[in-house]
Amino acid sequence: MSEPVQDPQAEAKARRGRNIALALGLVLFVVLVFIVTVVRLGASVADRPL
């Protein structure tokens, strides 16, 4: 069975929406990992010698 022919503009809009959602998810994941890392390290990061 072949898929029904859709409007190329509708496909591009749907693809763009998926790409934006994926990018936001990736950014949120990176921010979450950063926050968890800072919380786990705590204030000892500022106290260490350079």
N, C-alpha and C. Protein backbone atom coordinates (compact mmCIF):
# COMPACT_ATOMS: atom_id res chain seq x y z
N MET A 1 0.83 -1.18 0.00
CA MET A 1 0.00 0.00 0.00
C MET A 1 0.87 1.24 0.00
N SER A 2 0.55 2.16 -0.84
CA SER A 2 1.29 3.41 -0.88
C SER A 2 0.60 4.44 0.01
N GLU A 3 1.41 5.38 0.48
CA GLU A 3 0.86 6.43 1.33
C GLU A 3 0.15 7.47 0.48
N PRO A 4 -0.86 8.10 1.01
CA PRO A 4 -1.54 9.14 0.24
C PRO A 4 -0.61 10.33 0.00
N VAL A 5 -0.79 10.96 -1.13
CA VAL A 5 0.04 12.11 -1.49
C VAL A 5 -0.41 13.30 -0.65
N GLN A 6 0.58 13.91 0.04
CA GLN A 6 0.27 15.08 0.86
C GLN A 6 0.88 16.32 0.23
N ASP A 7 0.46 17.43 0.72
CA ASP A 7 0.99 18.71 0.28
C ASP A 7 2.44 18.83 0.76
N PRO A 8 3.38 19.13 -0.12
CA PRO A 8 4.78 19.27 0.32
C PRO A 8 4.97 20.32 1.40
N GLN A 9 4.17 21.38 1.36
CA GLN A 9 4.29 22.40 2.40
C GLN A 9 3.85 21.86 3.75
N ALA A 10 2.82 21.01 3.77
CA ALA A 10 2.36 20.42 5.02
C ALA A 10 3.41 19.47 5.58
N GLU A 11 4.06 18.71 4.69
CA GLU A 11 5.12 17.81 5.14
C GLU A 11 6.28 18.60 5.72
N ALA A 12 6.66 19.68 5.07
CA ALA A 12 7.77 20.50 5.56
C ALA A 12 7.42 21.12 6.92
N LYS A 13 6.18 21.56 7.07
CA LYS A 13 5.75 22.15 8.34
C LYS A 13 5.78 21.10 9.45
N ALA A 14 5.32 19.90 9.15
CA ALA A 14 5.32 18.83 10.15
C ALA A 14 6.75 18.44 10.51
N ARG A 15 7.63 18.38 9.52
CA ARG A 15 9.03 18.04 9.77
C ARG A 15 9.69 19.11 10.63
N ARG A 16 9.38 20.37 10.34
CA ARG A 16 9.94 21.47 11.13
C ARG A 16 9.47 21.39 12.58
N GLY A 17 8.19 21.07 12.77
CA GLY A 17 7.67 20.94 14.13
C GLY A 17 8.35 19.82 14.89
N ARG A 18 8.59 18.69 14.22
CA ARG A 18 9.29 17.58 14.87
C ARG A 18 10.72 17.97 15.20
N ASN A 19 11.39 18.68 14.30
CA ASN A 19 12.77 19.10 14.55
C ASN A 19 12.85 20.06 15.73
N ILE A 20 11.91 20.97 15.82
CA ILE A 20 11.90 21.92 16.94
C ILE A 20 11.65 21.18 18.25
N ALA A 21 10.72 20.24 18.25
CA ALA A 21 10.44 19.46 19.46
C ALA A 21 11.66 18.65 19.88
N LEU A 22 12.34 18.05 18.93
CA LEU A 22 13.54 17.28 19.23
C LEU A 22 14.64 18.18 19.78
N ALA A 23 14.82 19.35 19.19
CA ALA A 23 15.84 20.30 19.66
C ALA A 23 15.53 20.76 21.08
N LEU A 24 14.27 21.07 21.35
CA LEU A 24 13.90 21.50 22.71
C LEU A 24 14.14 20.38 23.72
N GLY A 25 13.79 19.17 23.34
CA GLY A 25 14.04 18.03 24.23
C GLY A 25 15.51 17.86 24.52
N LEU A 26 16.35 18.01 23.51
CA LEU A 26 17.79 17.88 23.70
C LEU A 26 18.34 18.99 24.59
N VAL A 27 17.88 20.21 24.38
CA VAL A 27 18.32 21.33 25.22
C VAL A 27 17.88 21.12 26.66
N LEU A 28 16.65 20.68 26.87
CA LEU A 28 16.18 20.42 28.24
C LEU A 28 16.99 19.31 28.90
N PHE A 29 17.36 18.29 28.15
CA PHE A 29 18.18 17.22 28.71
C PHE A 29 19.55 17.74 29.12
N VAL A 30 20.18 18.56 28.29
CA VAL A 30 21.50 19.11 28.61
C VAL A 30 21.41 19.99 29.85
N VAL A 31 20.38 20.83 29.93
CA VAL A 31 20.20 21.69 31.11
C VAL A 31 19.98 20.83 32.36
N LEU A 32 19.20 19.78 32.25
CA LEU A 32 18.96 18.90 33.40
C LEU A 32 20.25 18.24 33.86
N VAL A 33 21.06 17.76 32.94
CA VAL A 33 22.34 17.15 33.31
C VAL A 33 23.26 18.18 33.98
N PHE A 34 23.27 19.40 33.46
CA PHE A 34 24.09 20.45 34.06
C PHE A 34 23.64 20.75 35.49
N ILE A 35 22.32 20.89 35.68
CA ILE A 35 21.79 21.20 37.01
C ILE A 35 22.09 20.07 37.99
N VAL A 36 21.89 18.84 37.58
CA VAL A 36 22.18 17.70 38.45
C VAL A 36 23.66 17.67 38.80
N THR A 37 24.52 17.96 37.85
CA THR A 37 25.96 17.97 38.11
C THR A 37 26.32 19.05 39.12
N VAL A 38 25.79 20.25 38.95
CA VAL A 38 26.09 21.34 39.88
C VAL A 38 25.57 21.02 41.27
N VAL A 39 24.37 20.45 41.37
CA VAL A 39 23.81 20.12 42.68
C VAL A 39 24.63 19.03 43.35
N ARG A 40 25.05 18.03 42.60
CA ARG A 40 25.83 16.95 43.20
C ARG A 40 27.20 17.41 43.65
N LEU A 41 27.83 18.31 42.88
CA LEU A 41 29.14 18.82 43.28
C LEU A 41 29.02 19.80 44.43
N GLY A 42 27.93 20.53 44.45
CA GLY A 42 27.66 21.45 45.56
C GLY A 42 28.64 22.60 45.62
N ALA A 43 28.81 23.14 46.81
CA ALA A 43 29.65 24.32 47.01
C ALA A 43 31.13 23.97 47.00
N SER A 44 31.46 22.70 46.99
CA SER A 44 32.88 22.33 47.03
C SER A 44 33.60 22.74 45.75
N VAL A 45 32.89 23.01 44.70
CA VAL A 45 33.52 23.45 43.45
C VAL A 45 34.19 24.80 43.64
N ALA A 46 33.54 25.71 44.36
CA ALA A 46 34.09 27.05 44.57
C ALA A 46 35.26 27.03 45.55
N ASP A 47 35.35 26.02 46.42
CA ASP A 47 36.37 25.98 47.46
C ASP A 47 37.67 25.30 47.02
N ARG A 48 37.65 24.68 45.88
CA ARG A 48 38.86 23.92 45.47
C ARG A 48 39.96 24.88 45.01
N PRO A 49 41.22 24.48 45.19
CA PRO A 49 42.34 25.33 44.72
C PRO A 49 42.42 25.32 43.19
N LEU A 50 42.89 26.40 42.63
CA LEU A 50 43.00 26.48 41.17
C LEU A 50 44.27 25.88 40.68
